[in-house]
C-alpha cells in the first residue's frame, strides 16, 4: 500500500502507511521504513542521512526486504489503497461538512460576494489601523495606515501590486517573487478548505490529536509550487484554531493562531497571532461589512496610485 501510495503521489497517505510498517518492524527493517516515512513527509535531508547510516551499518548499497514489493503484495496493496482512499475521503468530507456548518453553512459561504474588515495590527514597531477588502472571484486589497504613512497591497483579480504613500511621495509597482505568490493565494475569496475542489489543492485528513488547547482534527493541504499548509480544527466546535503555512519546501512556517467571536449569529475571526521569521504580529478585527458594494477601481493599481497622488489617503475609496 505504501509503495502504491508513493507512486500515485499520495505522499501524506504513504507517510501514514509507512509509519504503521515502522511501528510493526524492528532493527534495520524499522530503520528502513523510518527513512522512507521521512522522505514521504517531505523531510529529504533527514531521510538521506537515515538511509546513509543504515547502508553503512548494513554494509549494503540498497536495503529492501525481498517480500516487500512482490507482485502479489503489490496487487493486494493497490486494492487496499483504493478502499483506504475512499474511507479517508469520506472521513475528510464529514469533518469539512461539520466545519462548514459551524461557519453558517456552505450555501451561505458561497453566497457572499464581498467582505470588508476593519481593525488594528500590532507589532514590535507599533500599531497600525487596517482595512481589508475582498470581492469575488479574486479581488483583494489591504490598507495599513499609520501616523506617518499609508501602505497598500492588492490584486485586480490577476496581478498583485503594492503602493506606499509617505512624506517623500507615492511609489507603486507590480509585485514579483515570493510577495507576488503569497498575494496570489491570499486573493482567493474562499478559504482553501472551501475552494479546494475548484482550485486543485489536495487535502488529507491526518487524524485527531491532542494539543495544549484540546482535541483537534489536523488537515494537511498540498498546494502549487511546493506550498504546504496544515489546518487544525477544534474537535468540539469544528472552528479553525491554527494554520501553519510553508510557502516553499524547506522554508520556516508561518504560524497563525485564531480566535473567534459570534457576530450576528455566526462565528468570525476576532483575533489572529501571526508568527513569522521576522517577528510576531497581532491582528484584532473590530468590524465586518458583508453588504457594501465595492468599486472595482479600488483594486486597480493605476487608479489607486492616482488617488494616492491626489492625497485621498483615507483608505475608504
C-alpha atoms as a PDB file:
ATOM      1  CA  UNK A   1       0.000   0.000   0.000  1.00  0.00           C
ATOM      2  CA  UNK A   2       2.776   2.414   0.909  1.00  0.00           C
ATOM      3  CA  UNK A   3       4.576   1.909  -2.407  1.00  0.00           C
ATOM      4  CA  UNK A   4       1.332   2.273  -4.355  1.00  0.00           C
ATOM      5  CA  UNK A   5       0.570   5.485  -2.459  1.00  0.00           C
ATOM      6  CA  UNK A   6       4.036   6.861  -3.199  1.00  0.00           C
ATOM      7  CA  UNK A   7       3.771   6.011  -6.901  1.00  0.00           C
ATOM      8  CA  UNK A   8       0.369   7.707  -7.174  1.00  0.00           C
ATOM      9  CA  UNK A   9       1.527  10.884  -5.425  1.00  0.00           C
ATOM     10  CA  UNK A  10      -0.419  10.286  -2.195  1.00  0.00           C
ATOM     11  CA  UNK A  11       2.509  11.408  -0.027  1.00  0.00           C
ATOM     12  CA  UNK A  12       0.563  12.003   3.193  1.00  0.00           C
ATOM     13  CA  UNK A  13      -1.148   8.628   2.954  1.00  0.00           C
ATOM     14  CA  UNK A  14       2.190   6.965   2.161  1.00  0.00           C
ATOM     15  CA  UNK A  15       3.770   8.552   5.249  1.00  0.00           C
ATOM     16  CA  UNK A  16       0.874   7.262   7.360  1.00  0.00           C
ATOM     17  CA  UNK A  17       1.196   3.722   5.985  1.00  0.00           C
ATOM     18  CA  UNK A  18       4.991   3.686   6.299  1.00  0.00           C
ATOM     19  CA  UNK A  19       4.587   4.807   9.891  1.00  0.00           C
ATOM     20  CA  UNK A  20       2.417   1.724  10.514  1.00  0.00           C
ATOM     21  CA  UNK A  21       5.086  -0.513   8.953  1.00  0.00           C
ATOM     22  CA  UNK A  22       7.768   1.226  11.007  1.00  0.00           C
ATOM     23  CA  UNK A  23       5.916   0.602  14.264  1.00  0.00           C
ATOM     24  CA  UNK A  24       5.472  -3.085  13.427  1.00  0.00           C
ATOM     25  CA  UNK A  25       9.092  -3.728  12.444  1.00  0.00           C
ATOM     26  CA  UNK A  26      12.400  -3.848  14.297  1.00  0.00           C
ATOM     27  CA  UNK A  27      16.108  -3.434  13.668  1.00  0.00           C
ATOM     28  CA  UNK A  28      17.300  -2.480  10.173  1.00  0.00           C
ATOM     29  CA  UNK A  29      13.864  -3.074   8.718  1.00  0.00           C
ATOM     30  CA  UNK A  30      12.373  -0.474  11.070  1.00  0.00           C
ATOM     31  CA  UNK A  31      15.155   1.982  10.209  1.00  0.00           C
ATOM     32  CA  UNK A  32      14.412   1.461   6.519  1.00  0.00           C
ATOM     33  CA  UNK A  33      10.712   2.263   6.908  1.00  0.00           C
ATOM     34  CA  UNK A  34      11.575   5.235   9.095  1.00  0.00           C
ATOM     35  CA  UNK A  35      13.778   6.689   6.349  1.00  0.00           C
ATOM     36  CA  UNK A  36      11.052   6.182   3.730  1.00  0.00           C
ATOM     37  CA  UNK A  37       8.494   7.824   6.019  1.00  0.00           C
ATOM     38  CA  UNK A  38      10.740  10.869   6.411  1.00  0.00           C
ATOM     39  CA  UNK A  39      11.002  11.107   2.638  1.00  0.00           C
ATOM     40  CA  UNK A  40       7.205  10.867   2.191  1.00  0.00           C
ATOM     41  CA  UNK A  41       6.797  13.655   4.773  1.00  0.00           C
ATOM     42  CA  UNK A  42       8.998  15.913   2.641  1.00  0.00           C
ATOM     43  CA  UNK A  43      11.959  15.723   5.023  1.00  0.00           C
ATOM     44  CA  UNK A  44      14.513  14.853   2.358  1.00  0.00           C
ATOM     45  CA  UNK A  45      17.798  15.676   4.150  1.00  0.00           C
ATOM     46  CA  UNK A  46      16.794  13.675   7.234  1.00  0.00           C
ATOM     47  CA  UNK A  47      15.716  10.752   5.036  1.00  0.00           C
ATOM     48  CA  UNK A  48      19.014  10.708   3.133  1.00  0.00           C
ATOM     49  CA  UNK A  49      21.012  10.838   6.373  1.00  0.00           C
ATOM     50  CA  UNK A  50      18.987   7.971   7.854  1.00  0.00           C
ATOM     51  CA  UNK A  51      19.449   5.811   4.740  1.00  0.00           C
ATOM     52  CA  UNK A  52      23.190   6.520   4.607  1.00  0.00           C
ATOM     53  CA  UNK A  53      23.545   5.492   8.246  1.00  0.00           C
ATOM     54  CA  UNK A  54      21.573   2.317   7.563  1.00  0.00           C
ATOM     55  CA  UNK A  55      23.600   1.404   4.457  1.00  0.00           C
ATOM     56  CA  UNK A  56      26.898   1.959   6.236  1.00  0.00           C
ATOM     57  CA  UNK A  57      25.815  -0.152   9.186  1.00  0.00           C
ATOM     58  CA  UNK A  58      24.436  -2.944   6.997  1.00  0.00           C
ATOM     59  CA  UNK A  59      27.357  -2.690   4.535  1.00  0.00           C
ATOM     60  CA  UNK A  60      24.978  -2.776   1.561  1.00  0.00           C
ATOM     61  CA  UNK A  61      24.222  -0.346  -1.267  1.00  0.00           C
ATOM     62  CA  UNK A  62      20.436  -0.772  -1.008  1.00  0.00           C
ATOM     63  CA  UNK A  63      18.152  -2.225   1.610  1.00  0.00           C
ATOM     64  CA  UNK A  64      14.694  -3.522   0.796  1.00  0.00           C
ATOM     65  CA  UNK A  65      13.039  -6.630   2.243  1.00  0.00           C
ATOM     66  CA  UNK A  66      12.686  -9.200  -0.547  1.00  0.00           C
ATOM     67  CA  UNK A  67       8.997  -9.709   0.231  1.00  0.00           C
ATOM     68  CA  UNK A  68       8.050  -6.024   0.449  1.00  0.00           C
ATOM     69  CA  UNK A  69       7.028  -5.289  -3.119  1.00  0.00           C
ATOM     70  CA  UNK A  70       6.256  -8.693  -4.663  1.00  0.00           C
ATOM     71  CA  UNK A  71       3.618  -8.741  -7.412  1.00  0.00           C
ATOM     72  CA  UNK A  72       1.062 -10.370  -5.127  1.00  0.00           C
ATOM     73  CA  UNK A  73       1.669  -7.930  -2.277  1.00  0.00           C
ATOM     74  CA  UNK A  74       1.509  -5.005  -4.671  1.00  0.00           C
ATOM     75  CA  UNK A  75      -1.836  -6.128  -6.182  1.00  0.00           C
ATOM     76  CA  UNK A  76      -3.349  -6.602  -2.749  1.00  0.00           C
ATOM     77  CA  UNK A  77      -1.875  -3.293  -1.629  1.00  0.00           C
ATOM     78  CA  UNK A  78      -3.463  -1.423  -4.529  1.00  0.00           C
ATOM     79  CA  UNK A  79      -6.875  -2.900  -3.692  1.00  0.00           C
ATOM     80  CA  UNK A  80      -6.483  -1.918  -0.050  1.00  0.00           C
ATOM     81  CA  UNK A  81      -5.194   1.505  -1.084  1.00  0.00           C
ATOM     82  CA  UNK A  82      -8.333   2.188  -3.145  1.00  0.00           C
ATOM     83  CA  UNK A  83     -10.505   1.240  -0.164  1.00  0.00           C
ATOM     84  CA  UNK A  84      -8.360   3.337   2.171  1.00  0.00           C
ATOM     85  CA  UNK A  85      -8.654   6.363  -0.124  1.00  0.00           C
ATOM     86  CA  UNK A  86     -12.425   6.052  -0.182  1.00  0.00           C
ATOM     87  CA  UNK A  87     -12.549   5.792   3.607  1.00  0.00           C
ATOM     88  CA  UNK A  88     -10.165   8.729   4.068  1.00  0.00           C
ATOM     89  CA  UNK A  89     -12.140  10.872   1.618  1.00  0.00           C
ATOM     90  CA  UNK A  90     -15.384  10.067   3.400  1.00  0.00           C
ATOM     91  CA  UNK A  91     -13.872  11.000   6.785  1.00  0.00           C
ATOM     92  CA  UNK A  92     -12.450  14.213   5.351  1.00  0.00           C
ATOM     93  CA  UNK A  93     -15.782  15.226   3.852  1.00  0.00           C
ATOM     94  CA  UNK A  94     -17.578  14.504   7.123  1.00  0.00           C
ATOM     95  CA  UNK A  95     -15.212  16.786   9.053  1.00  0.00           C
ATOM     96  CA  UNK A  96     -15.377  19.525   6.409  1.00  0.00           C
ATOM     97  CA  UNK A  97     -19.175  19.350   6.318  1.00  0.00           C
ATOM     98  CA  UNK A  98     -19.279  19.961  10.074  1.00  0.00           C
ATOM     99  CA  UNK A  99     -16.740  22.787   9.633  1.00  0.00           C
ATOM    100  CA  UNK A 100     -18.940  24.478   7.013  1.00  0.00           C
ATOM    101  CA  UNK A 101     -21.997  24.166   9.263  1.00  0.00           C
ATOM    102  CA  UNK A 102     -20.051  25.745  12.133  1.00  0.00           C
ATOM    103  CA  UNK A 103     -19.344  28.746   9.871  1.00  0.00           C
ATOM    104  CA  UNK A 104     -23.000  29.141   8.838  1.00  0.00           C
ATOM    105  CA  UNK A 105     -23.348  26.573   6.066  1.00  0.00           C
ATOM    106  CA  UNK A 106     -21.691  26.049   2.696  1.00  0.00           C
ATOM    107  CA  UNK A 107     -24.536  27.721   0.774  1.00  0.00           C
ATOM    108  CA  UNK A 108     -24.187  30.863   2.873  1.00  0.00           C
ATOM    109  CA  UNK A 109     -20.394  30.941   2.459  1.00  0.00           C
ATOM    110  CA  UNK A 110     -20.693  30.677  -1.323  1.00  0.00           C
ATOM    111  CA  UNK A 111     -23.460  33.291  -1.463  1.00  0.00           C
ATOM    112  CA  UNK A 112     -21.184  36.025  -0.113  1.00  0.00           C
ATOM    113  CA  UNK A 113     -19.906  38.346  -2.843  1.00  0.00           C
ATOM    114  CA  UNK A 114     -17.786  40.800  -0.873  1.00  0.00           C
ATOM    115  CA  UNK A 115     -16.320  41.454   2.552  1.00  0.00           C
ATOM    116  CA  UNK A 116     -14.676  44.420   4.293  1.00  0.00           C
ATOM    117  CA  UNK A 117     -12.984  44.046   7.686  1.00  0.00           C
ATOM    118  CA  UNK A 118     -11.591  46.821   9.898  1.00  0.00           C
ATOM    119  CA  UNK A 119      -9.192  46.533  12.809  1.00  0.00           C
ATOM    120  CA  UNK A 120      -5.762  47.077  14.335  1.00  0.00           C
ATOM    121  CA  UNK A 121      -2.412  45.452  13.591  1.00  0.00           C
ATOM    122  CA  UNK A 122       0.187  45.434  16.365  1.00  0.00           C
ATOM    123  CA  UNK A 123       3.854  44.531  16.105  1.00  0.00           C
ATOM    124  CA  UNK A 124       7.107  45.294  17.852  1.00  0.00           C
ATOM    125  CA  UNK A 125       7.335  48.575  15.941  1.00  0.00           C
ATOM    126  CA  UNK A 126       3.889  49.895  16.921  1.00  0.00           C
ATOM    127  CA  UNK A 127       0.230  49.862  15.942  1.00  0.00           C
ATOM    128  CA  UNK A 128      -1.478  50.352  12.571  1.00  0.00           C
ATOM    129  CA  UNK A 129      -5.103  50.577  11.511  1.00  0.00           C
ATOM    130  CA  UNK A 130      -6.095  48.210   8.726  1.00  0.00           C
ATOM    131  CA  UNK A 131      -8.906  47.821   6.234  1.00  0.00           C
ATOM    132  CA  UNK A 132      -9.171  44.536   4.322  1.00  0.00           C
ATOM    133  CA  UNK A 133     -11.487  44.496   1.288  1.00  0.00           C
ATOM    134  CA  UNK A 134     -12.238  41.413  -0.807  1.00  0.00           C
ATOM    135  CA  UNK A 135     -14.604  40.664  -3.679  1.00  0.00           C
ATOM    136  CA  UNK A 136     -15.230  37.589  -5.785  1.00  0.00           C
ATOM    137  CA  UNK A 137     -13.521  35.992  -7.523  1.00  0.00           C
ATOM    138  CA  UNK A 138     -10.018  37.264  -6.612  1.00  0.00           C
ATOM    139  CA  UNK A 139     -10.119  40.997  -5.897  1.00  0.00           C
ATOM    140  CA  UNK A 140      -8.099  41.835  -2.784  1.00  0.00           C
ATOM    141  CA  UNK A 141      -6.887  44.962  -1.038  1.00  0.00           C
ATOM    142  CA  UNK A 142      -5.242  45.569   2.348  1.00  0.00           C
ATOM    143  CA  UNK A 143      -4.704  49.152   3.585  1.00  0.00           C
ATOM    144  CA  UNK A 144      -2.337  49.770   6.503  1.00  0.00           C
ATOM    145  CA  UNK A 145      -2.489  53.312   7.903  1.00  0.00           C
ATOM    146  CA  UNK A 146      -0.176  54.884  10.465  1.00  0.00           C
ATOM    147  CA  UNK A 147       0.575  58.419  11.621  1.00  0.00           C
ATOM    148  CA  UNK A 148       3.460  58.679   9.152  1.00  0.00           C
ATOM    149  CA  UNK A 149       2.170  56.962   6.043  1.00  0.00           C
ATOM    150  CA  UNK A 150      -0.055  54.574   4.209  1.00  0.00           C
ATOM    151  CA  UNK A 151       0.795  51.183   2.718  1.00  0.00           C
ATOM    152  CA  UNK A 152      -1.468  49.208   0.384  1.00  0.00           C
ATOM    153  CA  UNK A 153      -1.203  45.791  -1.236  1.00  0.00           C
ATOM    154  CA  UNK A 154      -3.787  44.398  -3.559  1.00  0.00           C
ATOM    155  CA  UNK A 155      -4.769  42.389  -6.605  1.00  0.00           C
ATOM    156  CA  UNK A 156      -7.026  43.322  -9.514  1.00  0.00           C
ATOM    157  CA  UNK A 157      -8.105  39.705  -9.868  1.00  0.00           C
ATOM    158  CA  UNK A 158      -4.978  38.667 -11.759  1.00  0.00           C
ATOM    159  CA  UNK A 159      -1.966  40.849 -10.918  1.00  0.00           C
ATOM    160  CA  UNK A 160      -0.741  41.610  -7.363  1.00  0.00           C
ATOM    161  CA  UNK A 161       0.627  45.105  -6.669  1.00  0.00           C
ATOM    162  CA  UNK A 162       1.798  47.376  -3.864  1.00  0.00           C
ATOM    163  CA  UNK A 163       1.643  51.121  -3.152  1.00  0.00           C
ATOM    164  CA  UNK A 164       3.466  53.088  -0.436  1.00  0.00           C
ATOM    165  CA  UNK A 165       2.482  56.672   0.449  1.00  0.00           C
ATOM    166  CA  UNK A 166       4.950  58.620   2.601  1.00  0.00           C
ATOM    167  CA  UNK A 167       6.314  62.128   3.066  1.00  0.00           C
ATOM    168  CA  UNK A 168       8.661  61.526   0.144  1.00  0.00           C
ATOM    169  CA  UNK A 169       5.812  60.742  -2.275  1.00  0.00           C
ATOM    170  CA  UNK A 170       3.930  57.825  -3.798  1.00  0.00           C
ATOM    171  CA  UNK A 171       5.549  54.616  -5.018  1.00  0.00           C
ATOM    172  CA  UNK A 172       3.596  51.844  -6.701  1.00  0.00           C
ATOM    173  CA  UNK A 173       4.521  48.743  -8.674  1.00  0.00           C
ATOM    174  CA  UNK A 174       3.507  45.185  -9.538  1.00  0.00           C
ATOM    175  CA  UNK A 175       4.833  42.609  -7.076  1.00  0.00           C
ATOM    176  CA  UNK A 176       7.344  39.937  -8.047  1.00  0.00           C
ATOM    177  CA  UNK A 177       8.783  36.790  -6.499  1.00  0.00           C
ATOM    178  CA  UNK A 178       7.539  35.436  -3.141  1.00  0.00           C
ATOM    179  CA  UNK A 179       5.384  38.522  -2.325  1.00  0.00           C
ATOM    180  CA  UNK A 180       3.548  38.031  -5.624  1.00  0.00           C
ATOM    181  CA  UNK A 181       2.984  34.305  -4.999  1.00  0.00           C
ATOM    182  CA  UNK A 182       1.773  34.958  -1.447  1.00  0.00           C
ATOM    183  CA  UNK A 183      -0.756  37.561  -2.583  1.00  0.00           C
ATOM    184  CA  UNK A 184      -1.992  35.367  -5.435  1.00  0.00           C
ATOM    185  CA  UNK A 185      -3.030  32.796  -2.840  1.00  0.00           C
ATOM    186  CA  UNK A 186      -4.422  35.395  -0.421  1.00  0.00           C
ATOM    187  CA  UNK A 187      -6.589  36.908  -3.167  1.00  0.00           C
ATOM    188  CA  UNK A 188      -8.936  33.895  -3.326  1.00  0.00           C
ATOM    189  CA  UNK A 189     -12.250  34.910  -1.764  1.00  0.00           C
ATOM    190  CA  UNK A 190     -12.945  31.434  -0.351  1.00  0.00           C
ATOM    191  CA  UNK A 191     -10.578  29.693   2.030  1.00  0.00           C
ATOM    192  CA  UNK A 192      -8.774  26.615   0.714  1.00  0.00           C
ATOM    193  CA  UNK A 193     -10.955  24.337   2.887  1.00  0.00           C
ATOM    194  CA  UNK A 194     -13.940  25.567   0.861  1.00  0.00           C
ATOM    195  CA  UNK A 195     -12.454  26.053  -2.608  1.00  0.00           C
ATOM    196  CA  UNK A 196     -10.059  23.100  -2.924  1.00  0.00           C
ATOM    197  CA  UNK A 197     -12.288  21.124  -5.303  1.00  0.00           C
ATOM    198  CA  UNK A 198     -12.307  24.013  -7.790  1.00  0.00           C
ATOM    199  CA  UNK A 199      -8.683  25.118  -7.489  1.00  0.00           C
ATOM    200  CA  UNK A 200      -6.884  21.774  -7.303  1.00  0.00           C
ATOM    201  CA  UNK A 201      -5.298  21.746  -3.861  1.00  0.00           C
ATOM    202  CA  UNK A 202      -5.166  18.291  -2.298  1.00  0.00           C
ATOM    203  CA  UNK A 203      -6.487  17.758   1.225  1.00  0.00           C
ATOM    204  CA  UNK A 204      -5.754  14.847   3.542  1.00  0.00           C
ATOM    205  CA  UNK A 205      -7.285  14.265   6.974  1.00  0.00           C
ATOM    206  CA  UNK A 206      -4.276  13.249   9.048  1.00  0.00           C
ATOM    207  CA  UNK A 207      -6.398  12.362  12.069  1.00  0.00           C
ATOM    208  CA  UNK A 208      -7.258  13.653  15.518  1.00  0.00           C
ATOM    209  CA  UNK A 209      -4.646  14.719  18.037  1.00  0.00           C
ATOM    210  CA  UNK A 210      -4.434  16.385  21.434  1.00  0.00           C
ATOM    211  CA  UNK A 211      -2.864  19.849  21.749  1.00  0.00           C
ATOM    212  CA  UNK A 212      -2.480  22.344  24.565  1.00  0.00           C
ATOM    213  CA  UNK A 213      -5.952  23.701  23.712  1.00  0.00           C
ATOM    214  CA  UNK A 214      -7.693  20.310  23.467  1.00  0.00           C
ATOM    215  CA  UNK A 215      -8.503  17.774  20.742  1.00  0.00           C
ATOM    216  CA  UNK A 216      -8.190  18.916  17.121  1.00  0.00           C
ATOM    217  CA  UNK A 217      -8.538  17.478  13.639  1.00  0.00           C
ATOM    218  CA  UNK A 218      -5.400  18.003  11.545  1.00  0.00           C
ATOM    219  CA  UNK A 219      -5.867  18.538   7.812  1.00  0.00           C
ATOM    220  CA  UNK A 220      -2.828  18.566   5.522  1.00  0.00           C
ATOM    221  CA  UNK A 221      -3.071  20.723   2.377  1.00  0.00           C
ATOM    222  CA  UNK A 222      -0.822  20.379  -0.680  1.00  0.00           C
ATOM    223  CA  UNK A 223      -0.822  23.454  -2.921  1.00  0.00           C
ATOM    224  CA  UNK A 224       1.042  24.517  -6.069  1.00  0.00           C
ATOM    225  CA  UNK A 225       4.796  25.080  -6.331  1.00  0.00           C
ATOM    226  CA  UNK A 226       5.620  23.199  -3.133  1.00  0.00           C
ATOM    227  CA  UNK A 227       3.300  25.299  -0.958  1.00  0.00           C
ATOM    228  CA  UNK A 228       2.022  23.310   2.001  1.00  0.00           C
ATOM    229  CA  UNK A 229      -0.410  24.104   4.809  1.00  0.00           C
ATOM    230  CA  UNK A 230      -1.708  22.390   7.923  1.00  0.00           C
ATOM    231  CA  UNK A 231      -5.100  23.358   9.347  1.00  0.00           C
ATOM    232  CA  UNK A 232      -6.167  22.498  12.886  1.00  0.00           C
ATOM    233  CA  UNK A 233      -9.939  22.351  13.581  1.00  0.00           C
ATOM    234  CA  UNK A 234     -11.207  22.211  17.150  1.00  0.00           C
ATOM    235  CA  UNK A 235     -12.835  18.784  17.543  1.00  0.00           C
ATOM    236  CA  UNK A 236     -15.760  20.208  19.551  1.00  0.00           C
ATOM    237  CA  UNK A 237     -16.600  23.414  17.657  1.00  0.00           C
ATOM    238  CA  UNK A 238     -15.067  22.486  14.247  1.00  0.00           C
ATOM    239  CA  UNK A 239     -13.703  26.053  14.040  1.00  0.00           C
ATOM    240  CA  UNK A 240     -10.107  26.554  12.957  1.00  0.00           C
ATOM    241  CA  UNK A 241      -7.721  27.259  15.821  1.00  0.00           C
ATOM    242  CA  UNK A 242      -4.383  27.266  13.979  1.00  0.00           C
ATOM    243  CA  UNK A 243      -2.944  27.315  10.462  1.00  0.00           C
ATOM    244  CA  UNK A 244       0.674  26.573   9.538  1.00  0.00           C
ATOM    245  CA  UNK A 245       1.909  27.655   6.094  1.00  0.00           C
ATOM    246  CA  UNK A 246       5.097  26.655   4.260  1.00  0.00           C
ATOM    247  CA  UNK A 247       5.385  28.830   1.138  1.00  0.00           C
ATOM    248  CA  UNK A 248       8.116  26.609  -0.304  1.00  0.00           C
ATOM    249  CA  UNK A 249       9.891  23.362   0.653  1.00  0.00           C
ATOM    250  CA  UNK A 250      12.426  23.825   3.438  1.00  0.00           C
ATOM    251  CA  UNK A 251      11.120  27.262   4.457  1.00  0.00           C
ATOM    252  CA  UNK A 252      10.166  28.085   8.027  1.00  0.00           C
ATOM    253  CA  UNK A 253       6.399  28.005   8.504  1.00  0.00           C
ATOM    254  CA  UNK A 254       4.177  30.974   9.197  1.00  0.00           C
ATOM    255  CA  UNK A 255       2.032  30.030  12.208  1.00  0.00           C
ATOM    256  CA  UNK A 256      -1.378  31.693  12.613  1.00  0.00           C
ATOM    257  CA  UNK A 257      -3.356  31.204  15.835  1.00  0.00           C
ATOM    258  CA  UNK A 258      -7.039  32.156  15.555  1.00  0.00           C
ATOM    259  CA  UNK A 259      -9.744  33.213  17.992  1.00  0.00           C
ATOM    260  CA  UNK A 260     -13.421  33.636  17.058  1.00  0.00           C
ATOM    261  CA  UNK A 261     -16.394  35.605  18.349  1.00  0.00           C
ATOM    262  CA  UNK A 262     -20.046  35.371  17.353  1.00  0.00           C
ATOM    263  CA  UNK A 263     -21.246  38.304  15.255  1.00  0.00           C
ATOM    264  CA  UNK A 264     -24.865  38.428  14.082  1.00  0.00           C
ATOM    265  CA  UNK A 265     -25.288  34.719  14.705  1.00  0.00           C
ATOM    266  CA  UNK A 266     -22.117  33.456  13.020  1.00  0.00           C
ATOM    267  CA  UNK A 267     -18.524  32.981  14.221  1.00  0.00           C
ATOM    268  CA  UNK A 268     -15.977  35.381  12.749  1.00  0.00           C
ATOM    269  CA  UNK A 269     -12.276  35.848  13.358  1.00  0.00           C
ATOM    270  CA  UNK A 270     -11.714  38.340  16.173  1.00  0.00           C
ATOM    271  CA  UNK A 271      -8.005  37.919  16.847  1.00  0.00           C
ATOM    272  CA  UNK A 272      -5.076  36.383  14.999  1.00  0.00           C
ATOM    273  CA  UNK A 273      -1.497  35.938  16.200  1.00  0.00           C
ATOM    274  CA  UNK A 274       0.847  35.566  13.220  1.00  0.00           C
ATOM    275  CA  UNK A 275       4.336  34.194  13.934  1.00  0.00           C
ATOM    276  CA  UNK A 276       6.884  34.670  11.138  1.00  0.00           C
ATOM    277  CA  UNK A 277      10.655  34.529  10.844  1.00  0.00           C
ATOM    278  CA  UNK A 278      10.659  38.348  11.079  1.00  0.00           C
ATOM    279  CA  UNK A 279       8.575  38.578  14.249  1.00  0.00           C
ATOM    280  CA  UNK A 280       5.072  38.343  15.697  1.00  0.00           C
ATOM    281  CA  UNK A 281       2.009  40.272  14.532  1.00  0.00           C
ATOM    282  CA  UNK A 282      -1.347  40.599  16.291  1.00  0.00           C
ATOM    283  CA  UNK A 283      -4.472  41.414  14.294  1.00  0.00           C
ATOM    284  CA  UNK A 284      -7.640  42.496  16.088  1.00  0.00           C
ATOM    285  CA  UNK A 285     -10.792  42.535  13.930  1.00  0.00           C
ATOM    286  CA  UNK A 286     -13.199  45.237  15.159  1.00  0.00           C
ATOM    287  CA  UNK A 287     -15.904  45.335  12.485  1.00  0.00           C
ATOM    288  CA  UNK A 288     -17.123  43.463   9.375  1.00  0.00           C
ATOM    289  CA  UNK A 289     -19.279  44.539   6.434  1.00  0.00           C
ATOM    290  CA  UNK A 290     -20.682  41.912   4.036  1.00  0.00           C
ATOM    291  CA  UNK A 291     -23.272  44.109   2.302  1.00  0.00           C
ATOM    292  CA  UNK A 292     -21.477  47.110   0.763  1.00  0.00           C
ATOM    293  CA  UNK A 293     -20.744  47.287  -2.949  1.00  0.00           C
ATOM    294  CA  UNK A 294     -17.012  47.677  -3.594  1.00  0.00           C
ATOM    295  CA  UNK A 295     -15.887  49.733  -6.586  1.00  0.00           C
ATOM    296  CA  UNK A 296     -13.595  47.582  -8.784  1.00  0.00           C
ATOM    297  CA  UNK A 297     -11.340  50.594  -9.442  1.00  0.00           C
ATOM    298  CA  UNK A 298     -10.246  50.358  -5.796  1.00  0.00           C
ATOM    299  CA  UNK A 299      -8.410  47.145  -6.773  1.00  0.00           C
ATOM    300  CA  UNK A 300      -6.642  48.680  -9.793  1.00  0.00           C
ATOM    301  CA  UNK A 301      -3.033  49.789  -9.322  1.00  0.00           C
ATOM    302  CA  UNK A 302      -3.175  52.871 -11.550  1.00  0.00           C
ATOM    303  CA  UNK A 303      -6.462  54.080 -10.048  1.00  0.00           C
ATOM    304  CA  UNK A 304      -5.125  53.636  -6.520  1.00  0.00           C
ATOM    305  CA  UNK A 305      -1.873  55.387  -7.385  1.00  0.00           C
ATOM    306  CA  UNK A 306      -3.688  58.372  -8.926  1.00  0.00           C
ATOM    307  CA  UNK A 307      -5.904  58.758  -5.867  1.00  0.00           C
ATOM    308  CA  UNK A 308      -2.909  58.463  -3.553  1.00  0.00           C
ATOM    309  CA  UNK A 309      -1.077  61.144  -5.501  1.00  0.00           C
ATOM    310  CA  UNK A 310      -4.171  63.316  -5.044  1.00  0.00           C
ATOM    311  CA  UNK A 311      -3.793  62.769  -1.306  1.00  0.00           C
ATOM    312  CA  UNK A 312      -7.001  60.807  -0.908  1.00  0.00           C
ATOM    313  CA  UNK A 313      -5.376  58.746   1.814  1.00  0.00           C
ATOM    314  CA  UNK A 314      -8.350  57.737   3.927  1.00  0.00           C
ATOM    315  CA  UNK A 315      -8.231  54.140   2.614  1.00  0.00           C
ATOM    316  CA  UNK A 316     -12.003  54.132   2.149  1.00  0.00           C
ATOM    317  CA  UNK A 317     -12.364  54.599  -1.613  1.00  0.00           C
END
